Protein backbone atom coordinates (compact mmCIF):
# COMPACT_ATOMS: atom_id res chain seq x y z
CA UNK A 1 69.04 29.50 -53.35
CA UNK A 2 69.99 32.49 -51.26
CA UNK A 3 69.89 32.95 -47.55
CA UNK A 4 66.96 34.53 -45.77
CA UNK A 5 68.68 37.94 -45.66
CA UNK A 6 69.64 38.14 -49.30
CA UNK A 7 67.38 38.39 -52.32
CA UNK A 8 68.13 37.12 -55.79
CA UNK A 9 65.95 39.71 -57.45
CA UNK A 10 66.13 43.45 -56.88
CA UNK A 11 63.41 46.04 -56.53
CA UNK A 12 64.21 47.15 -60.07
CA UNK A 13 63.70 43.60 -61.33
CA UNK A 14 60.31 43.40 -59.63
CA UNK A 15 59.13 46.74 -60.96
CA UNK A 16 60.33 45.88 -64.46
CA UNK A 17 58.27 42.67 -64.32
CA UNK A 18 55.13 44.36 -63.04
CA UNK A 19 55.38 47.16 -65.61
CA UNK A 20 55.50 44.51 -68.33
CA UNK A 21 52.37 42.96 -66.79
CA UNK A 22 50.53 46.29 -66.45
CA UNK A 23 51.01 47.07 -70.14
CA UNK A 24 50.45 43.56 -71.49
CA UNK A 25 48.17 41.91 -68.91
CA UNK A 26 45.31 41.46 -71.33
CA UNK A 27 47.10 42.01 -74.63
CA UNK A 28 48.10 38.33 -74.97
CA UNK A 29 44.70 37.01 -73.87
CA UNK A 30 43.56 33.69 -75.35
CA UNK A 31 40.53 31.46 -74.80
CA UNK A 32 42.52 28.46 -73.56
CA UNK A 33 44.66 29.87 -70.74
CA UNK A 34 43.40 33.49 -70.87
CA UNK A 35 46.01 35.70 -69.11
CA UNK A 36 48.62 32.97 -68.61
CA UNK A 37 50.66 33.99 -71.66
CA UNK A 38 50.86 37.54 -70.33
CA UNK A 39 52.02 36.24 -66.94
CA UNK A 40 54.83 34.24 -68.55
CA UNK A 41 55.96 37.16 -70.71
CA UNK A 42 55.88 39.54 -67.74
CA UNK A 43 57.80 37.31 -65.31
CA UNK A 44 60.18 35.64 -67.77
CA UNK A 45 63.21 37.87 -67.07
CA UNK A 46 62.60 37.76 -63.34
CA UNK A 47 62.25 33.97 -63.33
CA UNK A 48 65.45 33.64 -65.34
CA UNK A 49 67.34 35.16 -62.39
CA UNK A 50 65.57 32.87 -59.91
CA UNK A 51 66.20 29.75 -62.02
CA UNK A 52 69.70 29.74 -63.56
CA UNK A 53 69.26 26.09 -64.54
CA UNK A 54 67.43 25.68 -67.83
CA UNK A 55 65.32 22.71 -66.69
CA UNK A 56 64.01 24.57 -63.63
CA UNK A 57 63.40 27.71 -65.69
CA UNK A 58 61.36 25.82 -68.31
CA UNK A 59 59.40 24.00 -65.58
CA UNK A 60 58.56 27.32 -63.91
CA UNK A 61 57.43 28.86 -67.20
CA UNK A 62 55.27 25.82 -67.96
CA UNK A 63 53.69 26.15 -64.54
CA UNK A 64 52.75 29.78 -65.21
CA UNK A 65 51.35 28.83 -68.62
CA UNK A 66 48.42 27.21 -66.80
CA UNK A 67 45.04 28.94 -66.74
CA UNK A 68 44.97 32.32 -64.99
CA UNK A 69 42.45 35.14 -65.16
CA UNK A 70 41.63 37.97 -62.76
CA UNK A 71 41.41 41.76 -62.69
CA UNK A 72 44.79 42.92 -64.00
CA UNK A 73 45.41 45.33 -61.10
CA UNK A 74 44.62 42.75 -58.42
CA UNK A 75 46.84 40.20 -60.14
CA UNK A 76 49.78 42.35 -59.03
CA UNK A 77 49.35 41.12 -55.44
CA UNK A 78 49.12 37.49 -56.51
CA UNK A 79 52.14 37.65 -58.81
CA UNK A 80 54.14 39.47 -56.14
CA UNK A 81 53.40 36.73 -53.61
CA UNK A 82 54.22 33.89 -56.01
CA UNK A 83 57.47 35.63 -56.95
CA UNK A 84 58.55 35.65 -53.31
CA UNK A 85 57.61 31.98 -52.92
CA UNK A 86 59.63 30.96 -55.96
CA UNK A 87 62.59 33.09 -54.93
CA UNK A 88 62.70 31.39 -51.52
CA UNK A 89 61.89 27.75 -52.33
CA UNK A 90 62.61 27.51 -56.05
CA UNK A 91 60.92 24.88 -58.19
CA UNK A 92 59.78 23.04 -55.03
CA UNK A 93 57.14 25.76 -54.62
CA UNK A 94 55.57 25.00 -58.01
CA UNK A 95 52.44 23.33 -56.65
CA UNK A 96 51.98 25.97 -53.94
CA UNK A 97 52.35 28.75 -56.53
CA UNK A 98 49.68 27.27 -58.76
CA UNK A 99 47.35 26.61 -55.83
CA UNK A 100 47.74 30.19 -54.61
CA UNK A 101 46.98 31.63 -58.05
CA UNK A 102 43.93 29.39 -58.50
CA UNK A 103 42.45 30.13 -55.09
CA UNK A 104 42.93 33.91 -55.16
CA UNK A 105 42.18 34.86 -58.76
CA UNK A 106 38.40 34.48 -58.32
CA UNK A 107 37.94 36.44 -55.06
CA UNK A 108 40.42 39.12 -56.15
CA UNK A 109 38.60 39.51 -59.46
CA UNK A 110 35.39 40.28 -57.58
CA UNK A 111 37.12 42.96 -55.51
CA UNK A 112 39.05 44.44 -58.41
CA UNK A 113 36.12 44.53 -60.82
CA UNK A 114 33.96 46.28 -58.22
CA UNK A 115 36.50 48.92 -57.27
CA UNK A 116 38.36 49.54 -60.53
CA UNK A 117 35.75 48.88 -63.21
CA UNK A 118 32.59 49.95 -61.37
CA UNK A 119 33.28 52.25 -58.42
CA UNK A 120 36.02 54.47 -59.88
CA UNK A 121 34.51 55.01 -63.36
CA UNK A 122 31.01 55.49 -61.98
CA UNK A 123 31.74 57.82 -59.09
CA UNK A 124 34.93 59.64 -60.02
CA UNK A 125 34.25 59.43 -63.75
CA UNK A 126 30.83 60.99 -63.31
CA UNK A 127 32.22 63.83 -61.20
CA UNK A 128 35.05 64.53 -63.63
CA UNK A 129 32.74 64.24 -66.63
CA UNK A 130 30.18 66.63 -65.15
CA UNK A 131 32.89 69.20 -64.42
CA UNK A 132 34.28 68.85 -67.95
CA UNK A 133 30.83 69.25 -69.55
CA UNK A 134 30.39 72.50 -67.65
CA UNK A 135 33.65 73.82 -69.01
CA UNK A 136 35.70 73.24 -65.86
CA UNK A 137 39.18 71.98 -66.83
CA UNK A 138 39.59 70.48 -63.35
CA UNK A 139 37.39 67.61 -64.53
CA UNK A 140 39.98 66.39 -67.03
CA UNK A 141 42.85 67.18 -64.66
CA UNK A 142 41.20 65.26 -61.81
CA UNK A 143 40.69 62.20 -64.01
CA UNK A 144 44.36 62.28 -65.11
CA UNK A 145 45.50 62.56 -61.48
CA UNK A 146 43.27 59.62 -60.49
CA UNK A 147 44.86 57.44 -63.16
CA UNK A 148 48.37 58.50 -62.11
CA UNK A 149 47.56 57.55 -58.52
CA UNK A 150 46.08 54.24 -59.69
CA UNK A 151 49.27 53.56 -61.69
CA UNK A 152 51.39 54.07 -58.57
CA UNK A 153 49.02 51.97 -56.43
CA UNK A 154 49.26 49.06 -58.88
CA UNK A 155 53.05 49.06 -58.56
CA UNK A 156 52.81 49.14 -54.77
CA UNK A 157 50.33 46.23 -54.83
CA UNK A 158 53.04 44.06 -56.37
CA UNK A 159 55.45 45.11 -53.60
CA UNK A 160 52.80 44.33 -50.97
CA UNK A 161 52.25 40.91 -52.49
CA UNK A 162 55.98 40.26 -52.61
CA UNK A 163 56.46 41.30 -48.98
CA UNK A 164 53.55 39.13 -47.88
CA UNK A 165 54.99 36.22 -49.83
CA UNK A 166 58.37 36.65 -48.16
CA UNK A 167 56.73 36.57 -44.72
CA UNK A 168 54.77 33.52 -45.74
CA UNK A 169 57.76 31.42 -46.74
CA UNK A 170 60.13 32.65 -44.01
CA UNK A 171 58.06 33.10 -40.85
CA UNK A 172 55.64 30.25 -41.65
CA UNK A 173 57.92 27.91 -43.60
CA UNK A 174 57.25 25.09 -41.13
CA UNK A 175 53.54 25.37 -41.89
CA UNK A 176 53.90 25.76 -45.66
CA UNK A 177 52.63 22.24 -46.38
CA UNK A 178 49.52 22.99 -44.33
CA UNK A 179 49.10 26.28 -46.17
CA UNK A 180 49.49 24.56 -49.53
CA UNK A 181 46.81 22.02 -48.62
CA UNK A 182 44.50 24.78 -47.40
CA UNK A 183 44.75 26.89 -50.54
CA UNK A 184 44.42 23.76 -52.70
CA UNK A 185 41.11 23.04 -50.97
CA UNK A 186 40.09 26.67 -51.45
CA UNK A 187 40.99 26.42 -55.14
CA UNK A 188 38.79 23.35 -55.53
CA UNK A 189 35.96 25.19 -53.78
CA UNK A 190 36.34 28.12 -56.17
CA UNK A 191 36.27 25.80 -59.19
CA UNK A 192 33.26 23.97 -57.77
CA UNK A 193 31.43 27.25 -57.26
CA UNK A 194 32.21 28.35 -60.80
CA UNK A 195 30.55 25.19 -62.15
CA UNK A 196 27.17 26.15 -60.73
CA UNK A 197 27.40 29.92 -61.29
CA UNK A 198 29.11 30.17 -64.67
CA UNK A 199 28.23 26.92 -66.49
CA UNK A 200 24.50 27.14 -67.19
CA UNK A 201 22.78 24.00 -68.51
CA UNK A 202 18.98 23.68 -68.41
CA UNK A 203 16.52 21.23 -69.88
CA UNK A 204 12.83 22.16 -70.26
CA UNK A 205 11.80 18.50 -70.70
CA UNK A 206 8.74 17.43 -68.75
CA UNK A 207 7.81 13.86 -67.83
CA UNK A 208 4.09 13.21 -68.31
CA UNK A 209 2.00 10.10 -67.72
CA UNK A 210 -1.73 10.42 -67.33
CA UNK A 211 -2.38 13.37 -65.04
CA UNK A 212 1.13 13.26 -63.60
CA UNK A 213 3.41 16.04 -64.80
CA UNK A 214 7.00 16.34 -63.58
CA UNK A 215 9.67 18.80 -64.73
CA UNK A 216 12.86 16.84 -65.36
CA UNK A 217 15.16 19.71 -64.33
CA UNK A 218 13.52 20.85 -61.09
CA UNK A 219 11.74 17.64 -60.20
CA UNK A 220 14.55 15.16 -60.81
CA UNK A 221 17.99 16.61 -61.52
CA UNK A 222 17.84 19.44 -58.96
CA UNK A 223 16.53 17.03 -56.34
CA UNK A 224 19.47 14.70 -56.89
CA UNK A 225 22.01 17.55 -56.86
CA UNK A 226 21.62 21.24 -57.75
CA UNK A 227 23.48 22.13 -60.95
CA UNK A 228 23.91 18.43 -61.75
CA UNK A 229 23.89 19.04 -65.51
CA UNK A 230 26.51 21.79 -65.14
CA UNK A 231 28.76 19.41 -63.22
CA UNK A 232 28.32 16.67 -65.83
CA UNK A 233 29.15 19.03 -68.69
CA UNK A 234 32.23 20.32 -66.84
CA UNK A 235 33.35 16.76 -66.13
CA UNK A 236 32.88 15.84 -69.80
CA UNK A 237 34.98 18.83 -70.91
CA UNK A 238 37.78 17.87 -68.50
CA UNK A 239 37.75 14.32 -69.84
CA UNK A 240 37.95 15.65 -73.37
CA UNK A 241 40.91 17.82 -72.45
CA UNK A 242 42.72 14.69 -71.26
CA UNK A 243 42.35 13.21 -74.73
CA UNK A 244 45.00 13.92 -77.36
CA UNK A 245 42.30 14.19 -80.02
CA UNK A 246 40.34 17.01 -78.41
CA UNK A 247 41.88 20.47 -78.52
CA UNK A 248 40.28 23.52 -76.82
CA UNK A 249 39.11 24.78 -80.22
CA UNK A 250 37.47 21.45 -81.06
CA UNK A 251 35.79 21.39 -77.64
CA UNK A 252 34.38 24.91 -78.16
CA UNK A 253 32.99 23.88 -81.56
CA UNK A 254 31.55 20.68 -80.06
CA UNK A 255 29.79 22.65 -77.31
CA UNK A 256 28.30 25.03 -79.88
CA UNK A 257 27.05 22.14 -82.02
CA UNK A 258 25.68 20.33 -78.96
CA UNK A 259 23.89 23.49 -77.82
CA UNK A 260 22.34 24.09 -81.25
CA UNK A 261 21.13 20.49 -81.56
CA UNK A 262 19.81 20.55 -77.99
CA UNK A 263 17.94 23.80 -78.60
CA UNK A 264 16.50 22.61 -81.94
CA UNK A 265 15.24 19.33 -80.48
CA UNK A 266 13.93 20.95 -77.31
CA UNK A 267 16.25 18.98 -75.03
CA UNK A 268 17.99 22.16 -73.93
CA UNK A 269 16.49 25.55 -73.28
CA UNK A 270 16.95 28.92 -71.63
CA UNK A 271 16.90 28.82 -67.84
CA UNK A 272 13.80 30.71 -66.63
CA UNK A 273 14.42 33.75 -64.44
CA UNK A 274 13.21 33.60 -60.89
């Protein structure tokens, strides 16, 4: 590895990597690892300079092949920070890199989706569209300028992430193990939150005996632990992924079949809106 005052990768290397990501961030999307393939393709040349040894290079690529998904623009900050961490500490930073990506991709997606996919198109798109409808060419020009500015901002976000990552591993290197533990805990919290908010499992079954009527979902499962069924389903999927027999495609098909059978028999149903 290099000294603190010398970088392995240049500014040109970084910008080349982030341009590859900006154009292909979602183009290689898949249902197993989502944007991970795009991350690997985007950073592959950059990582080759960081890891001259083939074994380290392959290990780093395998690490980035793990699940990753966030707003493409906000991913620039995350990838910039992980690049700095890998440049400084090499393959030893593998666990910290993965923990950082896992803990930040959810919160950053919320920010990025709100600003880039909701705020900008709604506010600025409406203004530009209204001007264009009324025959004012400034509407189209304004929208083009906005996208040019956004393009430049996305490049700078990678530089900001890289600079922050450098500070993290140089100024706080003695606390890096504490930081790794902290973001690992945050990552687990994010995954735990996703179980209850994204994985929706509901049973409309009702226990009845005489005049006693008790909803199984709200009266039993939710009393034991909210989103208990969601947690059990998530746990079952993780156990299936550990098996050599179950592939992601087989698991998706199994979930569809299970859902259809559950709906037909009345064991599963649509969660009522509050």
